Amino acid sequence: MTTQVKVRPSGHEFLVEGHANLLQSGLHSGLRLNYGCGNGSCGMCKVRVISGEVAQTQHSDYQLSQTEKAQGYTLMCCNTAASSELTLELLEACGPQDIPQQQIVTHVRAVTTLAPHTRLLHLQTPRTHRLRFLAGQSVRLGWAMPGQDDVHATYPLASCPCDDRNLTFFITQDPADALSAHLFADDIKPGDAITVLGPSGEFVLADGNRPLVFAACDGGFAPIKSLIEHALSQDAAPSLSLFWLATQSDGHFASNQCRAWSEALDQFEYEQVTHPDMVVGAQQIAHAMRA
């Protein structure tokens, strides 16, 4: 069964397919929902059912009061839709100021070489402590080799907020960045603990149905990828255009992903520019945008 869910007071809508819970369905649709643990322990995803029916999908340790139950409150992470239509009353984040600071100990899931000077760092959060963030934001990572001091660095997230357990980062080789140096020296391995602190930054999508144009340079593609995936999950932009400048030979390290978007999506267009001089390359991108 597929259920159309309407959200008050924002007027947003999303679909629930099968037995997927309300929280994950809303996140996959690009909604900026309020939540914490994601497993029924904290109560932060509490919402009020205005009309329609829900069905419990998992046990909850958080206890709703009798008054809350009588008023129709439930937890999004522990319930799915049980009727063809459903209306919920809930608050959504309006911007970065509504996202709390979080500190989570994650573990390295994988380190993948994308290009000679670029690696993908894949971190995974615990099931009970997921990272709530907005597309385009950054976090501060902390890692320590046994017997040595911690190293820290701030990187933009390259993943979509809809997958809040799997966090990805494009790390560029930089001798001045201690964490990057350890990553390229193969000191950071799958299973290692890395602390995530954040999110931070205001480079996020504003509400509104309008064409979106993105410009990126080299590793600066990371937050752009997050923003594009979030915009696609919302299905709100009539068109998306990406102009990506590379100042080095391996600067377009995710060109396959961009081509896949372009081939699969009628509303997505992609143009890549290569030039060793960033200023000249930026001028070429400006010319391409005007064209």
C-alpha atoms as a PDB file:
ATOM      1  CA  MET A   1       0.000   0.000   0.000  1.00  0.00           C
ATOM      2  CA  THR A   2       1.105   3.553  -0.755  1.00  0.00           C
ATOM      3  CA  THR A   3      -0.150   6.364   1.458  1.00  0.00           C
ATOM      4  CA  GLN A   4      -0.208  10.084   0.697  1.00  0.00           C
ATOM      5  CA  VAL A   5       0.741  11.993   3.839  1.00  0.00           C
ATOM      6  CA  LYS A   6      -0.099  15.668   4.252  1.00  0.00           C
ATOM      7  CA  VAL A   7       1.817  17.778   6.753  1.00  0.00           C
ATOM      8  CA  ARG A   8       0.400  20.692   8.709  1.00  0.00           C
ATOM      9  CA  PRO A   9       1.078  23.594   8.998  1.00  0.00           C
ATOM     10  CA  SER A  10       3.699  23.597   6.194  1.00  0.00           C
ATOM     11  CA  GLY A  11       1.487  21.991   3.543  1.00  0.00           C
ATOM     12  CA  HIS A  12       4.270  19.593   2.506  1.00  0.00           C
ATOM     13  CA  GLU A  13       3.400  16.082   1.345  1.00  0.00           C
ATOM     14  CA  PHE A  14       5.245  12.769   1.160  1.00  0.00           C
ATOM     15  CA  LEU A  15       4.557   9.132   0.346  1.00  0.00           C
ATOM     16  CA  VAL A  16       4.793   6.089   2.608  1.00  0.00           C
ATOM     17  CA  GLU A  17       5.306   2.855   0.701  1.00  0.00           C
ATOM     18  CA  GLY A  18       4.692  -0.572   2.214  1.00  0.00           C
ATOM     19  CA  HIS A  19       5.625  -0.807   5.880  1.00  0.00           C
ATOM     20  CA  ALA A  20       8.290   1.931   5.859  1.00  0.00           C
ATOM     21  CA  ASN A  21       8.083   4.069   8.974  1.00  0.00           C
ATOM     22  CA  LEU A  22       6.855   7.649   8.810  1.00  0.00           C
ATOM     23  CA  LEU A  23      10.187   9.190   9.812  1.00  0.00           C
ATOM     24  CA  GLN A  24      12.319   7.555   7.136  1.00  0.00           C
ATOM     25  CA  SER A  25       9.643   8.125   4.491  1.00  0.00           C
ATOM     26  CA  GLY A  26       9.561  11.832   5.320  1.00  0.00           C
ATOM     27  CA  LEU A  27      13.350  12.133   5.330  1.00  0.00           C
ATOM     28  CA  HIS A  28      13.640  10.358   1.961  1.00  0.00           C
ATOM     29  CA  SER A  29      11.189  12.907   0.580  1.00  0.00           C
ATOM     30  CA  GLY A  30      13.472  15.746   1.664  1.00  0.00           C
ATOM     31  CA  LEU A  31      11.497  16.982   4.671  1.00  0.00           C
ATOM     32  CA  ARG A  32      13.458  18.682   7.479  1.00  0.00           C
ATOM     33  CA  LEU A  33      11.930  16.683  10.305  1.00  0.00           C
ATOM     34  CA  ASN A  34      12.640  16.888  14.007  1.00  0.00           C
ATOM     35  CA  TYR A  35      14.061  13.642  15.396  1.00  0.00           C
ATOM     36  CA  GLY A  36      16.824  12.211  17.533  1.00  0.00           C
ATOM     37  CA  CYS A  37      17.524   8.516  18.118  1.00  0.00           C
ATOM     38  CA  GLY A  38      15.335   7.099  15.362  1.00  0.00           C
ATOM     39  CA  ASN A  39      14.477   4.011  17.447  1.00  0.00           C
ATOM     40  CA  GLY A  40      11.730   5.115  19.828  1.00  0.00           C
ATOM     41  CA  SER A  41      13.805   6.131  22.820  1.00  0.00           C
ATOM     42  CA  CYS A  42      13.924   9.944  22.847  1.00  0.00           C
ATOM     43  CA  GLY A  43      10.466  11.095  21.756  1.00  0.00           C
ATOM     44  CA  MET A  44      11.796  13.925  19.570  1.00  0.00           C
ATOM     45  CA  CYS A  45       9.866  12.721  16.494  1.00  0.00           C
ATOM     46  CA  LYS A  46       6.511  12.979  18.284  1.00  0.00           C
ATOM     47  CA  VAL A  47       3.700  14.126  15.957  1.00  0.00           C
ATOM     48  CA  ARG A  48      -0.054  14.499  16.121  1.00  0.00           C
ATOM     49  CA  VAL A  49      -2.294  12.437  13.834  1.00  0.00           C
ATOM     50  CA  ILE A  50      -5.041  14.750  12.537  1.00  0.00           C
ATOM     51  CA  SER A  51      -6.777  12.253  10.268  1.00  0.00           C
ATOM     52  CA  GLY A  52      -6.147   8.721   9.037  1.00  0.00           C
ATOM     53  CA  GLU A  53      -4.663   5.717  10.812  1.00  0.00           C
ATOM     54  CA  VAL A  54      -1.158   4.602  11.790  1.00  0.00           C
ATOM     55  CA  ALA A  55       0.184   1.189  12.818  1.00  0.00           C
ATOM     56  CA  GLN A  56       3.103   0.465  15.119  1.00  0.00           C
ATOM     57  CA  THR A  57       6.148  -1.107  13.440  1.00  0.00           C
ATOM     58  CA  GLN A  58       8.493  -1.442  16.420  1.00  0.00           C
ATOM     59  CA  HIS A  59       8.579  -1.199  20.202  1.00  0.00           C
ATOM     60  CA  SER A  60       9.087   2.206  21.784  1.00  0.00           C
ATOM     61  CA  ASP A  61      10.797   2.849  25.115  1.00  0.00           C
ATOM     62  CA  TYR A  62       9.474   6.408  25.144  1.00  0.00           C
ATOM     63  CA  GLN A  63       6.160   6.541  26.996  1.00  0.00           C
ATOM     64  CA  LEU A  64       3.473   8.919  25.738  1.00  0.00           C
ATOM     65  CA  SER A  65       1.172  10.295  28.442  1.00  0.00           C
ATOM     66  CA  GLN A  66      -2.501   9.367  28.445  1.00  0.00           C
ATOM     67  CA  THR A  67      -3.327  12.960  27.496  1.00  0.00           C
ATOM     68  CA  GLU A  68      -0.959  12.802  24.511  1.00  0.00           C
ATOM     69  CA  LYS A  69      -2.451   9.510  23.372  1.00  0.00           C
ATOM     70  CA  ALA A  70      -5.975  10.953  23.653  1.00  0.00           C
ATOM     71  CA  GLN A  71      -4.894  13.925  21.523  1.00  0.00           C
ATOM     72  CA  GLY A  72      -3.561  11.615  18.791  1.00  0.00           C
ATOM     73  CA  TYR A  73       0.194  11.908  19.340  1.00  0.00           C
ATOM     74  CA  THR A  74       2.534   9.159  18.158  1.00  0.00           C
ATOM     75  CA  LEU A  75       6.198   8.613  17.234  1.00  0.00           C
ATOM     76  CA  MET A  76       7.124   8.787  13.548  1.00  0.00           C
ATOM     77  CA  CYS A  77      10.051   6.359  13.909  1.00  0.00           C
ATOM     78  CA  CYS A  78       7.877   3.573  15.334  1.00  0.00           C
ATOM     79  CA  ASN A  79       4.788   3.828  13.143  1.00  0.00           C
ATOM     80  CA  THR A  80       3.749   3.477   9.535  1.00  0.00           C
ATOM     81  CA  ALA A  81       0.633   4.550   7.683  1.00  0.00           C
ATOM     82  CA  ALA A  82      -2.396   2.254   7.955  1.00  0.00           C
ATOM     83  CA  SER A  83      -4.804   4.177   5.714  1.00  0.00           C
ATOM     84  CA  SER A  84      -4.677   5.461   2.140  1.00  0.00           C
ATOM     85  CA  GLU A  85      -4.494   9.069   3.350  1.00  0.00           C
ATOM     86  CA  LEU A  86      -2.926  10.533   6.453  1.00  0.00           C
ATOM     87  CA  THR A  87      -2.600  14.053   7.860  1.00  0.00           C
ATOM     88  CA  LEU A  88       0.031  14.861  10.486  1.00  0.00           C
ATOM     89  CA  GLU A  89       0.713  17.972  12.536  1.00  0.00           C
ATOM     90  CA  LEU A  90       4.411  18.562  13.146  1.00  0.00           C
ATOM     91  CA  LEU A  91       7.135  21.188  13.179  1.00  0.00           C
ATOM     92  CA  GLU A  92       9.875  21.223  10.546  1.00  0.00           C
ATOM     93  CA  ALA A  93      13.270  22.915  10.611  1.00  0.00           C
ATOM     94  CA  CYS A  94      13.209  26.253   8.798  1.00  0.00           C
ATOM     95  CA  GLY A  95      16.993  26.525   8.544  1.00  0.00           C
ATOM     96  CA  PRO A  96      20.370  25.784  10.150  1.00  0.00           C
ATOM     97  CA  GLN A  97      19.372  27.580  13.347  1.00  0.00           C
ATOM     98  CA  ASP A  98      16.842  24.816  14.043  1.00  0.00           C
ATOM     99  CA  ILE A  99      19.385  21.967  13.831  1.00  0.00           C
ATOM    100  CA  PRO A 100      21.022  21.171  17.203  1.00  0.00           C
ATOM    101  CA  GLN A 101      24.742  20.585  17.661  1.00  0.00           C
ATOM    102  CA  GLN A 102      25.501  16.877  18.012  1.00  0.00           C
ATOM    103  CA  GLN A 103      28.543  14.814  18.937  1.00  0.00           C
ATOM    104  CA  ILE A 104      28.559  11.250  17.664  1.00  0.00           C
ATOM    105  CA  VAL A 105      31.226   8.558  17.721  1.00  0.00           C
ATOM    106  CA  THR A 106      31.057   6.952  14.277  1.00  0.00           C
ATOM    107  CA  HIS A 107      33.105   4.164  12.726  1.00  0.00           C
ATOM    108  CA  VAL A 108      34.861   4.052   9.377  1.00  0.00           C
ATOM    109  CA  ARG A 109      32.874   1.885   6.987  1.00  0.00           C
ATOM    110  CA  ALA A 110      35.224   2.276   4.016  1.00  0.00           C
ATOM    111  CA  VAL A 111      37.977   4.369   2.471  1.00  0.00           C
ATOM    112  CA  THR A 112      37.814   4.411  -1.323  1.00  0.00           C
ATOM    113  CA  THR A 113      40.254   5.929  -3.808  1.00  0.00           C
ATOM    114  CA  LEU A 114      38.300   8.012  -6.335  1.00  0.00           C
ATOM    115  CA  ALA A 115      41.305   9.644  -8.010  1.00  0.00           C
ATOM    116  CA  PRO A 116      45.050   9.936  -7.261  1.00  0.00           C
ATOM    117  CA  HIS A 117      44.429  12.958  -5.001  1.00  0.00           C
ATOM    118  CA  THR A 118      40.855  12.313  -3.801  1.00  0.00           C
ATOM    119  CA  ARG A 119      39.454   9.681  -1.454  1.00  0.00           C
ATOM    120  CA  LEU A 120      35.944   8.905  -0.269  1.00  0.00           C
ATOM    121  CA  LEU A 121      35.632   8.529   3.501  1.00  0.00           C
ATOM    122  CA  HIS A 122      32.488   6.627   4.486  1.00  0.00           C
ATOM    123  CA  LEU A 123      31.454   6.846   8.154  1.00  0.00           C
ATOM    124  CA  GLN A 124      28.537   5.073   9.784  1.00  0.00           C
ATOM    125  CA  THR A 125      26.721   6.239  12.911  1.00  0.00           C
ATOM    126  CA  PRO A 126      25.230   3.931  15.558  1.00  0.00           C
ATOM    127  CA  ARG A 127      21.630   2.912  14.868  1.00  0.00           C
ATOM    128  CA  THR A 128      20.565   4.744  18.018  1.00  0.00           C
ATOM    129  CA  HIS A 129      22.378   8.015  17.313  1.00  0.00           C
ATOM    130  CA  ARG A 130      22.040   9.338  13.765  1.00  0.00           C
ATOM    131  CA  LEU A 131      23.280  12.695  12.514  1.00  0.00           C
ATOM    132  CA  ARG A 132      20.616  15.276  11.824  1.00  0.00           C
ATOM    133  CA  PHE A 133      21.847  17.850   9.298  1.00  0.00           C
ATOM    134  CA  LEU A 134      20.838  19.890   6.268  1.00  0.00           C
ATOM    135  CA  ALA A 135      22.231  19.342   2.792  1.00  0.00           C
ATOM    136  CA  GLY A 136      25.219  21.625   2.220  1.00  0.00           C
ATOM    137  CA  GLN A 137      26.378  21.673   5.844  1.00  0.00           C
ATOM    138  CA  SER A 138      29.759  20.610   7.280  1.00  0.00           C
ATOM    139  CA  VAL A 139      30.973  18.743  10.366  1.00  0.00           C
ATOM    140  CA  ARG A 140      34.223  18.579  12.307  1.00  0.00           C
ATOM    141  CA  LEU A 141      35.913  15.163  12.384  1.00  0.00           C
ATOM    142  CA  GLY A 142      38.244  14.001  15.146  1.00  0.00           C
ATOM    143  CA  TRP A 143      40.525  10.940  14.973  1.00  0.00           C
ATOM    144  CA  ALA A 144      43.456   9.709  17.041  1.00  0.00           C
ATOM    145  CA  MET A 145      46.188   7.182  16.395  1.00  0.00           C
ATOM    146  CA  PRO A 146      46.999   5.190  19.559  1.00  0.00           C
ATOM    147  CA  GLY A 147      49.592   7.060  21.592  1.00  0.00           C
ATOM    148  CA  GLN A 148      49.227  10.310  19.651  1.00  0.00           C
ATOM    149  CA  ASP A 149      47.182  13.489  20.012  1.00  0.00           C
ATOM    150  CA  ASP A 150      43.840  13.856  18.264  1.00  0.00           C
ATOM    151  CA  VAL A 151      43.741  15.425  14.806  1.00  0.00           C
ATOM    152  CA  HIS A 152      40.735  17.444  13.654  1.00  0.00           C
ATOM    153  CA  ALA A 153      39.457  18.842  10.385  1.00  0.00           C
ATOM    154  CA  THR A 154      36.193  20.304   9.092  1.00  0.00           C
ATOM    155  CA  TYR A 155      34.707  18.884   5.883  1.00  0.00           C
ATOM    156  CA  PRO A 156      31.399  19.358   4.041  1.00  0.00           C
ATOM    157  CA  LEU A 157      29.128  16.343   3.936  1.00  0.00           C
ATOM    158  CA  ALA A 158      28.777  14.799   0.487  1.00  0.00           C
ATOM    159  CA  SER A 159      25.774  12.659   1.416  1.00  0.00           C
ATOM    160  CA  CYS A 160      22.055  13.381   1.541  1.00  0.00           C
ATOM    161  CA  PRO A 161      20.295  14.012   4.891  1.00  0.00           C
ATOM    162  CA  CYS A 162      17.831  11.294   3.906  1.00  0.00           C
ATOM    163  CA  ASP A 163      20.523   8.700   4.761  1.00  0.00           C
ATOM    164  CA  ASP A 164      21.444   9.924   8.221  1.00  0.00           C
ATOM    165  CA  ARG A 165      23.517   6.882   9.233  1.00  0.00           C
ATOM    166  CA  ASN A 166      25.875   6.784   6.265  1.00  0.00           C
ATOM    167  CA  LEU A 167      27.998   9.930   6.077  1.00  0.00           C
ATOM    168  CA  THR A 168      30.375  10.440   3.153  1.00  0.00           C
ATOM    169  CA  PHE A 169      33.164  12.948   2.567  1.00  0.00           C
ATOM    170  CA  PHE A 170      35.424  13.729  -0.393  1.00  0.00           C
ATOM    171  CA  ILE A 171      38.881  14.226   1.117  1.00  0.00           C
ATOM    172  CA  THR A 172      41.514  15.941  -1.042  1.00  0.00           C
ATOM    173  CA  GLN A 173      45.194  15.199  -0.451  1.00  0.00           C
ATOM    174  CA  ASP A 174      46.624  18.157   1.467  1.00  0.00           C
ATOM    175  CA  PRO A 175      49.915  17.975   3.418  1.00  0.00           C
ATOM    176  CA  ALA A 176      48.752  20.929   5.544  1.00  0.00           C
ATOM    177  CA  ASP A 177      45.693  18.949   6.678  1.00  0.00           C
ATOM    178  CA  ALA A 178      46.782  16.420   9.319  1.00  0.00           C
ATOM    179  CA  LEU A 179      43.693  14.244   9.004  1.00  0.00           C
ATOM    180  CA  SER A 180      44.012  14.173   5.212  1.00  0.00           C
ATOM    181  CA  ALA A 181      47.687  13.232   5.548  1.00  0.00           C
ATOM    182  CA  HIS A 182      46.822  10.270   7.793  1.00  0.00           C
ATOM    183  CA  LEU A 183      44.063   9.173   5.409  1.00  0.00           C
ATOM    184  CA  PHE A 184      46.400   9.136   2.399  1.00  0.00           C
ATOM    185  CA  ALA A 185      49.094   7.400   4.476  1.00  0.00           C
ATOM    186  CA  ASP A 186      46.565   4.572   5.031  1.00  0.00           C
ATOM    187  CA  ASP A 187      46.630   5.142   8.808  1.00  0.00           C
ATOM    188  CA  ILE A 188      42.836   5.445   8.962  1.00  0.00           C
ATOM    189  CA  LYS A 189      41.254   2.033   8.409  1.00  0.00           C
ATOM    190  CA  PRO A 190      37.768   0.480   8.388  1.00  0.00           C
ATOM    191  CA  GLY A 191      36.520   0.032  11.928  1.00  0.00           C
ATOM    192  CA  ASP A 192      38.383   3.041  13.339  1.00  0.00           C
ATOM    193  CA  ALA A 193      36.388   5.393  15.550  1.00  0.00           C
ATOM    194  CA  ILE A 194      35.969   8.971  14.310  1.00  0.00           C
ATOM    195  CA  THR A 195      34.088  11.590  16.316  1.00  0.00           C
ATOM    196  CA  VAL A 196      31.667  13.802  14.394  1.00  0.00           C
ATOM    197  CA  LEU A 197      30.795  17.233  15.810  1.00  0.00           C
ATOM    198  CA  GLY A 198      28.241  19.470  14.128  1.00  0.00           C
ATOM    199  CA  PRO A 199      26.623  20.335  11.843  1.00  0.00           C
ATOM    200  CA  SER A 200      27.686  23.862  10.899  1.00  0.00           C
ATOM    201  CA  GLY A 201      27.234  26.188   7.953  1.00  0.00           C
ATOM    202  CA  GLU A 202      24.387  28.060   6.265  1.00  0.00           C
ATOM    203  CA  PHE A 203      25.021  26.960   2.658  1.00  0.00           C
ATOM    204  CA  VAL A 204      21.630  25.217   2.401  1.00  0.00           C
ATOM    205  CA  LEU A 205      18.676  25.215   0.030  1.00  0.00           C
ATOM    206  CA  ALA A 206      15.963  27.781   0.601  1.00  0.00           C
ATOM    207  CA  ASP A 207      12.331  26.789   0.153  1.00  0.00           C
ATOM    208  CA  GLY A 208      10.747  27.561  -3.188  1.00  0.00           C
ATOM    209  CA  ASN A 209      10.043  26.013  -6.554  1.00  0.00           C
ATOM    210  CA  ARG A 210      12.586  27.556  -8.918  1.00  0.00           C
ATOM    211  CA  PRO A 211      15.390  26.478 -11.276  1.00  0.00           C
ATOM    212  CA  LEU A 212      18.607  25.633  -9.434  1.00  0.00           C
ATOM    213  CA  VAL A 213      22.087  26.349 -10.792  1.00  0.00           C
ATOM    214  CA  PHE A 214      25.188  24.952  -9.051  1.00  0.00           C
ATOM    215  CA  ALA A 215      28.869  25.755  -9.563  1.00  0.00           C
ATOM    216  CA  ALA A 216      31.690  23.671  -8.068  1.00  0.00           C
ATOM    217  CA  CYS A 217      35.485  23.560  -8.238  1.00  0.00           C
ATOM    218  CA  ASP A 218      37.490  20.373  -7.623  1.00  0.00           C
ATOM    219  CA  GLY A 219      36.698  18.931  -4.151  1.00  0.00           C
ATOM    220  CA  GLY A 220      34.103  21.663  -3.597  1.00  0.00           C
ATOM    221  CA  PHE A 221      31.728  19.293  -5.366  1.00  0.00           C
ATOM    222  CA  ALA A 222      31.017  17.614  -1.985  1.00  0.00           C
ATOM    223  CA  PRO A 223      28.342  19.994  -0.621  1.00  0.00           C
ATOM    224  CA  ILE A 224      26.953  20.447  -4.144  1.00  0.00           C
ATOM    225  CA  LYS A 225      26.360  16.694  -4.400  1.00  0.00           C
ATOM    226  CA  SER A 226      24.508  16.775  -1.077  1.00  0.00           C
ATOM    227  CA  LEU A 227      22.377  19.709  -2.228  1.00  0.00           C
ATOM    228  CA  ILE A 228      21.554  18.089  -5.577  1.00  0.00           C
ATOM    229  CA  GLU A 229      20.512  14.808  -3.968  1.00  0.00           C
ATOM    230  CA  HIS A 230      18.352  16.702  -1.481  1.00  0.00           C
ATOM    231  CA  ALA A 231      16.735  18.752  -4.265  1.00  0.00           C
ATOM    232  CA  LEU A 232      16.031  15.567  -6.241  1.00  0.00           C
ATOM    233  CA  SER A 233      14.440  13.917  -3.192  1.00  0.00           C
ATOM    234  CA  GLN A 234      12.129  16.932  -2.832  1.00  0.00           C
ATOM    235  CA  ASP A 235      11.261  16.828  -6.560  1.00  0.00           C
ATOM    236  CA  ALA A 236      10.513  20.555  -6.334  1.00  0.00           C
ATOM    237  CA  ALA A 237      12.952  22.195  -8.775  1.00  0.00           C
ATOM    238  CA  PRO A 238      11.796  22.435 -12.419  1.00  0.00           C
ATOM    239  CA  SER A 239      15.424  22.173 -13.556  1.00  0.00           C
ATOM    240  CA  LEU A 240      18.912  21.632 -12.115  1.00  0.00           C
ATOM    241  CA  SER A 241      22.165  22.691 -13.782  1.00  0.00           C
ATOM    242  CA  LEU A 242      25.672  21.820 -12.611  1.00  0.00           C
ATOM    243  CA  PHE A 243      28.873  23.494 -13.839  1.00  0.00           C
ATOM    244  CA  TRP A 244      31.992  21.804 -12.438  1.00  0.00           C
ATOM    245  CA  LEU A 245      35.486  23.255 -12.834  1.00  0.00           C
ATOM    246  CA  ALA A 246      38.565  21.051 -12.403  1.00  0.00           C
ATOM    247  CA  THR A 247      41.959  22.690 -11.961  1.00  0.00           C
ATOM    248  CA  GLN A 248      43.821  19.368 -12.009  1.00  0.00           C
ATOM    249  CA  SER A 249      43.649  16.245 -14.132  1.00  0.00           C
ATOM    250  CA  ASP A 250      41.601  14.230 -11.628  1.00  0.00           C
ATOM    251  CA  GLY A 251      39.350  17.105 -10.522  1.00  0.00           C
ATOM    252  CA  HIS A 252      36.196  15.543 -12.016  1.00  0.00           C
ATOM    253  CA  PHE A 253      36.466  12.484  -9.775  1.00  0.00           C
ATOM    254  CA  ALA A 254      32.688  11.879  -9.720  1.00  0.00           C
ATOM    255  CA  SER A 255      31.903  12.576 -13.367  1.00  0.00           C
ATOM    256  CA  ASN A 256      30.220   9.159 -13.728  1.00  0.00           C
ATOM    257  CA  GLN A 257      27.653  10.161 -11.118  1.00  0.00           C
ATOM    258  CA  CYS A 258      26.965  13.444 -12.928  1.00  0.00           C
ATOM    259  CA  ARG A 259      26.557  11.694 -16.276  1.00  0.00           C
ATOM    260  CA  ALA A 260      24.177   9.194 -14.673  1.00  0.00           C
ATOM    261  CA  TRP A 261      22.011  12.055 -13.373  1.00  0.00           C
ATOM    262  CA  SER A 262      22.071  13.713 -16.782  1.00  0.00           C
ATOM    263  CA  GLU A 263      21.051  10.528 -18.607  1.00  0.00           C
ATOM    264  CA  ALA A 264      18.350   9.525 -16.118  1.00  0.00           C
ATOM    265  CA  LEU A 265      16.789  12.917 -15.391  1.00  0.00           C
ATOM    266  CA  ASP A 266      15.267  15.176 -18.030  1.00  0.00           C
ATOM    267  CA  GLN A 267      15.499  18.221 -15.763  1.00  0.00           C
ATOM    268  CA  PHE A 268      19.234  17.825 -15.021  1.00  0.00           C
ATOM    269  CA  GLU A 269      22.039  19.237 -17.198  1.00  0.00           C
ATOM    270  CA  TYR A 270      25.766  18.966 -16.554  1.00  0.00           C
ATOM    271  CA  GLU A 271      28.799  20.714 -18.023  1.00  0.00           C
ATOM    272  CA  GLN A 272      32.388  20.212 -16.937  1.00  0.00           C
ATOM    273  CA  VAL A 273      35.262  22.651 -17.479  1.00  0.00           C
ATOM    274  CA  THR A 274      38.991  21.950 -17.056  1.00  0.00           C
ATOM    275  CA  HIS A 275      41.604  24.669 -16.693  1.00  0.00           C
ATOM    276  CA  PRO A 276      44.689  24.915 -14.420  1.00  0.00           C
ATOM    277  CA  ASP A 277      43.992  28.599 -13.729  1.00  0.00           C
ATOM    278  CA  MET A 278      40.989  28.893 -11.407  1.00  0.00           C
ATOM    279  CA  VAL A 279      40.209  32.462 -12.507  1.00  0.00           C
ATOM    280  CA  VAL A 280      40.172  31.563 -16.201  1.00  0.00           C
ATOM    281  CA  GLY A 281      38.132  28.448 -15.445  1.00  0.00           C
ATOM    282  CA  ALA A 282      35.593  30.501 -13.477  1.00  0.00           C
ATOM    283  CA  GLN A 283      35.254  32.856 -16.430  1.00  0.00           C
ATOM    284  CA  GLN A 284      34.583  29.880 -18.706  1.00  0.00           C
ATOM    285  CA  ILE A 285      31.888  28.651 -16.296  1.00  0.00           C
ATOM    286  CA  ALA A 286      30.275  32.111 -16.248  1.00  0.00           C
ATOM    287  CA  HIS A 287      30.241  32.090 -20.063  1.00  0.00           C
ATOM    288  CA  ALA A 288      28.689  28.596 -20.101  1.00  0.00           C
ATOM    289  CA  MET A 289      26.007  29.706 -17.648  1.00  0.00           C
ATOM    290  CA  ARG A 290      25.069  32.674 -19.803  1.00  0.00           C
ATOM    291  CA  ALA A 291      24.907  30.439 -22.857  1.00  0.00           C
END
